[in-house]
Amino acid sequence: MATASSKSTSTPSSSPSSTSSDTASSSSTSTSAPSPTSTTFFNKNTNYTCPDANNTEIRNVSGGSGNSSYYIFCDADISSSSKKDLSSSVQSSFADCLALCNSMNNFQDRTDVGCTYNFEGTGSQDKGTCWCLSGGNKSIITNVGNMAAVLSTENALLNL
């Protein structure tokens, strides 16, 4: 399971008793490591849709060795200080997009390729646009109308 990187904000090991200053709202962004609420095995014929696929771990993704597992997030995108678009194409489904990007990890001997799939055609993009994205220190950020997938072995942070 992914763990938070050293850039994440740590939480105190014990909570102090609540006072009026403790309950004031904060404007800082919360980050955490992914923690999927469900796990399923990859099936290219499955129609992975939002919100049902949100916060799911998909195991044994095809497009290579079959051993890759990904965390899936709805209304999300991948951010990284070293992000590179390796491929941009229109795919008929999220499963096709994920299999394509997973093949880059397997056949190019990589461990950093995830994907973003535009299931609503937002942002002047065609519906079904798939981006295979590489880079380290990934964060999952909000991007309505998109699904993002990162390898479960990466230390991606959630900034949703």
N, C-alpha and C. Protein backbone atom coordinates (compact mmCIF):
# COMPACT_ATOMS: atom_id res chain seq x y z
N MET A 1 0.84 -1.17 0.00
CA MET A 1 0.00 0.00 0.00
C MET A 1 0.88 1.23 0.00
N ALA A 2 0.46 2.28 -0.68
CA ALA A 2 1.24 3.51 -0.77
C ALA A 2 1.34 4.18 0.59
N THR A 3 2.44 4.85 0.78
CA THR A 3 2.62 5.60 2.01
C THR A 3 2.89 7.04 1.67
N ALA A 4 2.69 7.91 2.62
CA ALA A 4 2.91 9.34 2.40
C ALA A 4 4.39 9.60 2.24
N SER A 5 4.75 10.52 1.34
CA SER A 5 6.15 10.87 1.16
C SER A 5 6.58 11.85 2.24
N SER A 6 7.86 12.19 2.21
CA SER A 6 8.38 13.08 3.23
C SER A 6 7.83 14.49 3.11
N LYS A 7 7.17 14.83 1.99
CA LYS A 7 6.60 16.15 1.81
C LYS A 7 5.25 16.30 2.49
N SER A 8 4.65 15.21 2.93
CA SER A 8 3.32 15.32 3.52
C SER A 8 3.39 15.92 4.91
N THR A 9 2.27 16.46 5.31
CA THR A 9 2.18 17.06 6.63
C THR A 9 1.95 15.96 7.64
N SER A 10 2.71 15.92 8.71
CA SER A 10 2.52 14.88 9.72
C SER A 10 1.44 15.30 10.70
N THR A 11 0.82 14.30 11.30
CA THR A 11 -0.23 14.54 12.27
C THR A 11 0.29 14.19 13.65
N PRO A 12 -0.08 14.95 14.66
CA PRO A 12 0.36 14.62 16.01
C PRO A 12 -0.12 13.24 16.42
N SER A 13 0.66 12.57 17.26
CA SER A 13 0.28 11.22 17.68
C SER A 13 -0.87 11.23 18.67
N SER A 14 -1.10 12.32 19.33
CA SER A 14 -2.25 12.39 20.23
C SER A 14 -2.91 13.75 20.05
N SER A 15 -4.21 13.78 20.20
CA SER A 15 -4.94 15.03 20.02
C SER A 15 -5.07 15.77 21.33
N PRO A 16 -4.78 17.07 21.33
CA PRO A 16 -5.00 17.84 22.55
C PRO A 16 -6.49 18.04 22.76
N SER A 17 -6.87 18.37 23.96
CA SER A 17 -8.28 18.61 24.21
C SER A 17 -8.70 19.85 23.43
N SER A 18 -9.93 19.85 22.98
CA SER A 18 -10.44 20.90 22.10
C SER A 18 -10.65 22.21 22.85
N THR A 19 -10.20 23.29 22.21
CA THR A 19 -10.48 24.63 22.70
C THR A 19 -11.03 25.42 21.53
N SER A 20 -11.46 26.63 21.76
CA SER A 20 -12.02 27.42 20.67
C SER A 20 -10.99 27.67 19.57
N SER A 21 -9.72 27.81 19.90
CA SER A 21 -8.71 28.02 18.87
C SER A 21 -8.41 26.74 18.10
N ASP A 22 -8.64 25.57 18.72
CA ASP A 22 -8.40 24.30 18.03
C ASP A 22 -9.43 24.05 16.95
N THR A 23 -10.61 24.59 17.05
CA THR A 23 -11.68 24.29 16.12
C THR A 23 -11.79 25.31 15.01
N ALA A 24 -10.92 26.31 14.98
CA ALA A 24 -10.95 27.30 13.92
C ALA A 24 -10.60 26.64 12.60
N SER A 25 -11.23 27.07 11.50
CA SER A 25 -10.98 26.45 10.21
C SER A 25 -9.61 26.88 9.70
N SER A 26 -9.03 26.02 8.88
CA SER A 26 -7.70 26.26 8.33
C SER A 26 -7.81 26.36 6.83
N SER A 27 -6.95 27.15 6.21
CA SER A 27 -6.96 27.30 4.77
C SER A 27 -5.93 26.41 4.09
N SER A 28 -5.19 25.61 4.83
CA SER A 28 -4.18 24.75 4.22
C SER A 28 -4.82 23.54 3.56
N THR A 29 -4.12 22.98 2.57
CA THR A 29 -4.60 21.82 1.85
C THR A 29 -4.16 20.56 2.59
N SER A 30 -5.06 19.63 2.74
CA SER A 30 -4.75 18.38 3.41
C SER A 30 -4.21 17.38 2.40
N THR A 31 -3.16 16.67 2.75
CA THR A 31 -2.61 15.62 1.90
C THR A 31 -2.56 14.33 2.68
N SER A 32 -2.74 13.23 1.97
CA SER A 32 -2.66 11.93 2.60
C SER A 32 -2.28 10.90 1.54
N ALA A 33 -1.94 9.71 1.97
CA ALA A 33 -1.64 8.62 1.06
C ALA A 33 -2.95 7.94 0.67
N PRO A 34 -3.02 7.39 -0.55
CA PRO A 34 -4.22 6.67 -0.96
C PRO A 34 -4.49 5.48 -0.05
N SER A 35 -5.75 5.24 0.22
CA SER A 35 -6.19 4.09 1.01
C SER A 35 -7.49 3.59 0.40
N PRO A 36 -7.41 2.69 -0.58
CA PRO A 36 -8.59 2.25 -1.32
C PRO A 36 -9.66 1.63 -0.42
N THR A 37 -10.90 1.88 -0.80
CA THR A 37 -12.02 1.32 -0.05
C THR A 37 -12.50 0.01 -0.65
N SER A 38 -12.05 -0.33 -1.87
CA SER A 38 -12.39 -1.62 -2.46
C SER A 38 -11.27 -2.06 -3.40
N THR A 39 -11.22 -3.36 -3.66
CA THR A 39 -10.22 -3.95 -4.54
C THR A 39 -10.93 -4.87 -5.52
N THR A 40 -10.50 -4.83 -6.78
CA THR A 40 -11.08 -5.69 -7.80
C THR A 40 -9.99 -6.12 -8.77
N PHE A 41 -10.22 -7.21 -9.48
CA PHE A 41 -9.27 -7.66 -10.49
C PHE A 41 -9.65 -7.03 -11.82
N PHE A 42 -8.64 -6.66 -12.59
CA PHE A 42 -8.85 -5.98 -13.87
C PHE A 42 -9.58 -6.88 -14.85
N ASN A 43 -10.55 -6.29 -15.53
CA ASN A 43 -11.26 -6.95 -16.61
C ASN A 43 -11.46 -5.90 -17.69
N LYS A 44 -10.85 -6.10 -18.85
CA LYS A 44 -10.90 -5.09 -19.91
C LYS A 44 -12.33 -4.84 -20.39
N ASN A 45 -13.23 -5.77 -20.15
CA ASN A 45 -14.63 -5.61 -20.56
C ASN A 45 -15.48 -4.89 -19.52
N THR A 46 -14.90 -4.58 -18.36
CA THR A 46 -15.63 -3.87 -17.32
C THR A 46 -15.69 -2.40 -17.67
N ASN A 47 -16.85 -1.79 -17.50
CA ASN A 47 -17.03 -0.37 -17.74
C ASN A 47 -16.80 0.36 -16.42
N TYR A 48 -15.54 0.74 -16.16
CA TYR A 48 -15.19 1.45 -14.94
C TYR A 48 -15.71 2.89 -15.07
N THR A 49 -16.64 3.27 -14.21
CA THR A 49 -17.25 4.60 -14.29
C THR A 49 -17.23 5.27 -12.92
N CYS A 50 -17.36 6.57 -12.97
CA CYS A 50 -17.45 7.36 -11.74
C CYS A 50 -18.90 7.60 -11.41
N PRO A 51 -19.27 7.60 -10.16
CA PRO A 51 -18.40 7.57 -8.98
C PRO A 51 -18.07 6.16 -8.48
N ASP A 52 -18.62 5.11 -9.11
CA ASP A 52 -18.44 3.74 -8.60
C ASP A 52 -16.99 3.29 -8.49
N ALA A 53 -16.13 3.72 -9.42
CA ALA A 53 -14.73 3.27 -9.42
C ALA A 53 -13.84 4.09 -8.49
N ASN A 54 -14.39 5.15 -7.90
CA ASN A 54 -13.57 6.03 -7.07
C ASN A 54 -12.96 5.30 -5.88
N ASN A 55 -11.69 5.57 -5.65
CA ASN A 55 -10.96 5.02 -4.50
C ASN A 55 -10.91 3.49 -4.51
N THR A 56 -10.72 2.93 -5.72
CA THR A 56 -10.64 1.49 -5.91
C THR A 56 -9.22 1.10 -6.30
N GLU A 57 -8.78 -0.05 -5.82
CA GLU A 57 -7.52 -0.63 -6.29
C GLU A 57 -7.87 -1.68 -7.34
N ILE A 58 -7.27 -1.55 -8.53
CA ILE A 58 -7.49 -2.53 -9.59
C ILE A 58 -6.20 -3.32 -9.74
N ARG A 59 -6.31 -4.64 -9.61
CA ARG A 59 -5.13 -5.53 -9.64
C ARG A 59 -5.06 -6.30 -10.95
N ASN A 60 -3.85 -6.78 -11.25
CA ASN A 60 -3.57 -7.62 -12.41
C ASN A 60 -4.01 -6.95 -13.71
N VAL A 61 -3.56 -5.71 -13.90
CA VAL A 61 -3.92 -4.96 -15.10
C VAL A 61 -3.20 -5.53 -16.30
N SER A 62 -3.93 -5.72 -17.41
CA SER A 62 -3.34 -6.27 -18.63
C SER A 62 -2.50 -5.22 -19.35
N GLY A 63 -1.85 -5.65 -20.41
CA GLY A 63 -0.97 -4.76 -21.16
C GLY A 63 0.47 -5.04 -20.83
N GLY A 64 0.74 -6.20 -20.32
CA GLY A 64 2.12 -6.56 -19.96
C GLY A 64 2.13 -7.79 -19.10
N SER A 65 2.84 -7.72 -17.99
CA SER A 65 3.04 -8.90 -17.15
C SER A 65 1.79 -9.30 -16.37
N GLY A 66 0.84 -8.39 -16.22
CA GLY A 66 -0.38 -8.72 -15.50
C GLY A 66 -0.26 -8.60 -13.99
N ASN A 67 0.86 -8.09 -13.50
CA ASN A 67 1.06 -7.99 -12.06
C ASN A 67 0.87 -6.59 -11.50
N SER A 68 0.54 -5.63 -12.33
CA SER A 68 0.45 -4.25 -11.89
C SER A 68 -0.88 -3.96 -11.20
N SER A 69 -0.82 -3.14 -10.16
CA SER A 69 -2.01 -2.69 -9.44
C SER A 69 -2.03 -1.17 -9.44
N TYR A 70 -3.23 -0.60 -9.59
CA TYR A 70 -3.40 0.84 -9.66
C TYR A 70 -4.48 1.30 -8.71
N TYR A 71 -4.32 2.51 -8.18
CA TYR A 71 -5.36 3.18 -7.41
C TYR A 71 -6.10 4.11 -8.37
N ILE A 72 -7.43 4.08 -8.32
CA ILE A 72 -8.28 4.85 -9.23
C ILE A 72 -9.00 5.94 -8.45
N PHE A 73 -9.04 7.15 -9.02
CA PHE A 73 -9.72 8.28 -8.39
C PHE A 73 -10.57 9.01 -9.41
N CYS A 74 -11.77 9.38 -9.02
CA CYS A 74 -12.70 10.11 -9.89
C CYS A 74 -12.56 11.61 -9.69
N ASP A 75 -12.91 12.34 -10.75
CA ASP A 75 -12.81 13.81 -10.75
C ASP A 75 -11.42 14.22 -10.29
N ALA A 76 -10.41 13.58 -10.89
CA ALA A 76 -9.02 13.74 -10.45
C ALA A 76 -8.07 13.77 -11.63
N ASP A 77 -6.86 14.21 -11.37
CA ASP A 77 -5.78 14.27 -12.35
C ASP A 77 -4.47 14.03 -11.62
N ILE A 78 -3.42 13.78 -12.39
CA ILE A 78 -2.09 13.57 -11.82
C ILE A 78 -1.28 14.84 -11.96
N SER A 79 -0.65 15.24 -10.87
CA SER A 79 0.27 16.38 -10.86
C SER A 79 1.63 15.88 -10.42
N SER A 80 2.68 16.45 -10.98
CA SER A 80 4.04 16.08 -10.61
C SER A 80 4.98 17.19 -11.07
N SER A 81 6.00 17.45 -10.29
CA SER A 81 6.97 18.47 -10.68
C SER A 81 7.76 18.03 -11.92
N SER A 82 7.80 16.73 -12.19
CA SER A 82 8.53 16.22 -13.36
C SER A 82 7.60 15.50 -14.33
N LYS A 83 6.32 15.89 -14.34
CA LYS A 83 5.30 15.23 -15.17
C LYS A 83 5.62 15.38 -16.66
N LYS A 84 5.51 14.25 -17.38
CA LYS A 84 5.68 14.24 -18.83
C LYS A 84 4.51 13.50 -19.46
N ASP A 85 3.94 14.09 -20.51
CA ASP A 85 2.90 13.42 -21.29
C ASP A 85 3.60 12.48 -22.26
N LEU A 86 3.43 11.17 -22.07
CA LEU A 86 4.07 10.19 -22.94
C LEU A 86 3.19 9.83 -24.12
N SER A 87 1.87 9.97 -23.93
CA SER A 87 0.93 9.63 -24.98
C SER A 87 -0.38 10.35 -24.72
N SER A 88 -1.02 10.77 -25.79
CA SER A 88 -2.36 11.35 -25.71
C SER A 88 -3.15 10.81 -26.88
N SER A 89 -4.20 10.04 -26.59
CA SER A 89 -5.02 9.44 -27.65
C SER A 89 -6.43 9.27 -27.12
N VAL A 90 -7.37 9.13 -28.03
CA VAL A 90 -8.75 8.88 -27.63
C VAL A 90 -8.94 7.37 -27.53
N GLN A 91 -9.42 6.93 -26.38
CA GLN A 91 -9.68 5.51 -26.12
C GLN A 91 -11.18 5.32 -25.87
N SER A 92 -11.69 4.14 -26.16
CA SER A 92 -13.13 3.89 -26.03
C SER A 92 -13.57 3.71 -24.58
N SER A 93 -12.61 3.44 -23.68
CA SER A 93 -12.99 3.23 -22.27
C SER A 93 -11.79 3.51 -21.36
N PHE A 94 -12.09 3.67 -20.08
CA PHE A 94 -11.03 3.83 -19.09
C PHE A 94 -10.16 2.57 -19.04
N ALA A 95 -10.77 1.40 -19.18
CA ALA A 95 -10.01 0.14 -19.16
C ALA A 95 -9.00 0.10 -20.30
N ASP A 96 -9.39 0.56 -21.49
CA ASP A 96 -8.45 0.60 -22.62
C ASP A 96 -7.32 1.58 -22.35
N CYS A 97 -7.64 2.73 -21.75
CA CYS A 97 -6.64 3.73 -21.40
C CYS A 97 -5.64 3.16 -20.40
N LEU A 98 -6.16 2.53 -19.36
CA LEU A 98 -5.29 1.97 -18.32
C LEU A 98 -4.40 0.87 -18.89
N ALA A 99 -4.94 0.01 -19.74
CA ALA A 99 -4.14 -1.07 -20.34
C ALA A 99 -3.03 -0.49 -21.22
N LEU A 100 -3.35 0.57 -21.98
CA LEU A 100 -2.33 1.21 -22.82
C LEU A 100 -1.19 1.75 -21.98
N CYS A 101 -1.53 2.51 -20.96
CA CYS A 101 -0.49 3.13 -20.11
C CYS A 101 0.28 2.08 -19.32
N ASN A 102 -0.40 1.04 -18.89
CA ASN A 102 0.29 -0.04 -18.17
C ASN A 102 1.29 -0.74 -19.08
N SER A 103 0.98 -0.84 -20.37
CA SER A 103 1.92 -1.48 -21.29
C SER A 103 3.23 -0.71 -21.37
N MET A 104 3.18 0.60 -21.18
CA MET A 104 4.42 1.39 -21.16
C MET A 104 5.28 1.02 -19.97
N ASN A 105 4.67 0.80 -18.81
CA ASN A 105 5.45 0.35 -17.65
C ASN A 105 6.09 -1.00 -17.92
N ASN A 106 5.33 -1.92 -18.50
CA ASN A 106 5.83 -3.27 -18.68
C ASN A 106 6.81 -3.41 -19.82
N PHE A 107 6.51 -2.85 -20.99
CA PHE A 107 7.37 -3.06 -22.15
C PHE A 107 8.53 -2.09 -22.23
N GLN A 108 8.47 -0.98 -21.51
CA GLN A 108 9.58 -0.04 -21.47
C GLN A 108 10.34 -0.14 -20.14
N ASP A 109 10.02 -1.15 -19.35
CA ASP A 109 10.66 -1.40 -18.05
C ASP A 109 10.62 -0.15 -17.17
N ARG A 110 9.42 0.43 -17.03
CA ARG A 110 9.21 1.64 -16.24
C ARG A 110 8.40 1.30 -14.99
N THR A 111 8.40 2.21 -14.05
CA THR A 111 7.59 2.04 -12.83
C THR A 111 6.92 3.36 -12.45
N ASP A 112 6.72 4.25 -13.44
CA ASP A 112 6.21 5.58 -13.10
C ASP A 112 5.07 6.06 -13.99
N VAL A 113 4.51 5.21 -14.84
CA VAL A 113 3.47 5.66 -15.76
C VAL A 113 2.08 5.40 -15.17
N GLY A 114 1.33 6.47 -15.07
CA GLY A 114 -0.07 6.41 -14.68
C GLY A 114 -0.91 6.98 -15.81
N CYS A 115 -2.21 7.17 -15.57
CA CYS A 115 -3.03 7.71 -16.64
C CYS A 115 -4.11 8.64 -16.11
N THR A 116 -4.54 9.53 -16.99
CA THR A 116 -5.73 10.35 -16.77
C THR A 116 -6.64 10.13 -17.96
N TYR A 117 -7.92 9.89 -17.69
CA TYR A 117 -8.91 9.60 -18.73
C TYR A 117 -10.05 10.61 -18.61
N ASN A 118 -10.30 11.37 -19.66
CA ASN A 118 -11.34 12.40 -19.68
C ASN A 118 -12.66 11.76 -20.10
N PHE A 119 -13.46 11.35 -19.12
CA PHE A 119 -14.69 10.62 -19.42
C PHE A 119 -15.86 11.54 -19.78
N GLU A 120 -15.72 12.85 -19.56
CA GLU A 120 -16.82 13.79 -19.85
C GLU A 120 -16.53 14.72 -21.02
N GLY A 121 -15.32 14.72 -21.55
CA GLY A 121 -14.99 15.65 -22.62
C GLY A 121 -14.87 17.08 -22.15
N THR A 122 -14.34 17.28 -20.94
CA THR A 122 -14.19 18.62 -20.37
C THR A 122 -12.91 19.29 -20.88
N GLY A 123 -12.81 20.59 -20.66
CA GLY A 123 -11.60 21.33 -20.98
C GLY A 123 -11.24 21.36 -22.45
N SER A 124 -12.23 21.42 -23.33
CA SER A 124 -12.01 21.45 -24.79
C SER A 124 -11.30 20.20 -25.31
N GLN A 125 -11.40 19.10 -24.57
CA GLN A 125 -10.82 17.83 -25.00
C GLN A 125 -11.93 16.91 -25.48
N ASP A 126 -11.57 15.99 -26.36
CA ASP A 126 -12.53 14.99 -26.81
C ASP A 126 -12.87 14.05 -25.67
N LYS A 127 -14.12 13.64 -25.60
CA LYS A 127 -14.53 12.62 -24.64
C LYS A 127 -13.72 11.36 -24.93
N GLY A 128 -13.12 10.79 -23.88
CA GLY A 128 -12.31 9.58 -24.04
C GLY A 128 -10.83 9.85 -24.22
N THR A 129 -10.41 11.12 -24.12
CA THR A 129 -8.98 11.41 -24.25
C THR A 129 -8.23 10.75 -23.09
N CYS A 130 -7.18 10.05 -23.43
CA CYS A 130 -6.35 9.30 -22.47
C CYS A 130 -4.93 9.85 -22.52
N TRP A 131 -4.40 10.19 -21.36
CA TRP A 131 -3.01 10.62 -21.26
C TRP A 131 -2.24 9.60 -20.44
N CYS A 132 -1.14 9.11 -20.97
CA CYS A 132 -0.20 8.30 -20.21
C CYS A 132 0.86 9.26 -19.69
N LEU A 133 1.00 9.32 -18.38
CA LEU A 133 1.82 10.34 -17.73
C LEU A 133 2.90 9.71 -16.86
N SER A 134 4.11 10.26 -16.96
CA SER A 134 5.21 9.78 -16.11
C SER A 134 5.66 10.90 -15.19
N GLY A 135 6.53 10.56 -14.27
CA GLY A 135 7.09 11.55 -13.35
C GLY A 135 7.08 11.03 -11.93
N GLY A 136 7.95 11.59 -11.12
CA GLY A 136 8.03 11.20 -9.72
C GLY A 136 7.27 12.16 -8.83
N ASN A 137 7.18 11.82 -7.57
CA ASN A 137 6.51 12.66 -6.56
C ASN A 137 5.12 13.09 -7.02
N LYS A 138 4.32 12.13 -7.40
CA LYS A 138 2.97 12.43 -7.91
C LYS A 138 2.02 12.84 -6.80
N SER A 139 1.10 13.72 -7.18
CA SER A 139 -0.04 14.10 -6.35
C SER A 139 -1.30 13.89 -7.18
N ILE A 140 -2.36 13.51 -6.52
CA ILE A 140 -3.67 13.40 -7.17
C ILE A 140 -4.43 14.66 -6.82
N ILE A 141 -4.79 15.43 -7.86
CA ILE A 141 -5.48 16.70 -7.66
C ILE A 141 -6.87 16.66 -8.28
N THR A 142 -7.71 17.59 -7.92
CA THR A 142 -9.07 17.66 -8.43
C THR A 142 -9.08 18.12 -9.88
N ASN A 143 -9.82 17.41 -10.72
CA ASN A 143 -10.06 17.79 -12.11
C ASN A 143 -11.37 17.10 -12.52
N VAL A 144 -12.47 17.82 -12.38
CA VAL A 144 -13.80 17.27 -12.63
C VAL A 144 -13.92 16.74 -14.05
N GLY A 145 -14.53 15.56 -14.18
CA GLY A 145 -14.75 14.94 -15.48
C GLY A 145 -13.64 14.00 -15.91
N ASN A 146 -12.64 13.80 -15.04
CA ASN A 146 -11.51 12.93 -15.36
C ASN A 146 -11.35 11.85 -14.31
N MET A 147 -10.75 10.73 -14.72
CA MET A 147 -10.36 9.65 -13.81
C MET A 147 -8.85 9.56 -13.87
N ALA A 148 -8.21 9.37 -12.73
CA ALA A 148 -6.75 9.22 -12.67
C ALA A 148 -6.41 7.87 -12.06
N ALA A 149 -5.31 7.29 -12.55
CA ALA A 149 -4.82 6.01 -12.02
C ALA A 149 -3.32 6.12 -11.81
N VAL A 150 -2.87 5.74 -10.62
CA VAL A 150 -1.45 5.68 -10.30
C VAL A 150 -1.11 4.30 -9.78
N LEU A 151 0.11 3.87 -10.07
CA LEU A 151 0.56 2.57 -9.57
C LEU A 151 0.48 2.54 -8.04
N SER A 152 0.02 1.43 -7.51
CA SER A 152 -0.10 1.32 -6.05
C SER A 152 1.26 1.32 -5.37
N THR A 153 2.33 1.08 -6.11
CA THR A 153 3.67 1.07 -5.53
C THR A 153 4.29 2.46 -5.45
N GLU A 154 3.65 3.46 -6.08
CA GLU A 154 4.15 4.82 -5.99
C GLU A 154 3.67 5.49 -4.71
N ASN A 155 4.41 6.46 -4.25
CA ASN A 155 4.05 7.19 -3.05
C ASN A 155 3.29 8.46 -3.41
N ALA A 156 2.19 8.29 -4.15
CA ALA A 156 1.39 9.45 -4.55
C ALA A 156 0.64 10.00 -3.37
N LEU A 157 0.49 11.32 -3.35
CA LEU A 157 -0.26 11.99 -2.30
C LEU A 157 -1.61 12.44 -2.83
N LEU A 158 -2.61 12.39 -1.98
CA LEU A 158 -3.94 12.88 -2.36
C LEU A 158 -4.07 14.34 -1.97
N ASN A 159 -4.40 15.17 -2.93
CA ASN A 159 -4.65 16.58 -2.70
C ASN A 159 -6.03 16.91 -3.25
N LEU A 160 -7.01 16.15 -2.84
CA LEU A 160 -8.38 16.33 -3.34
C LEU A 160 -9.20 17.16 -2.39
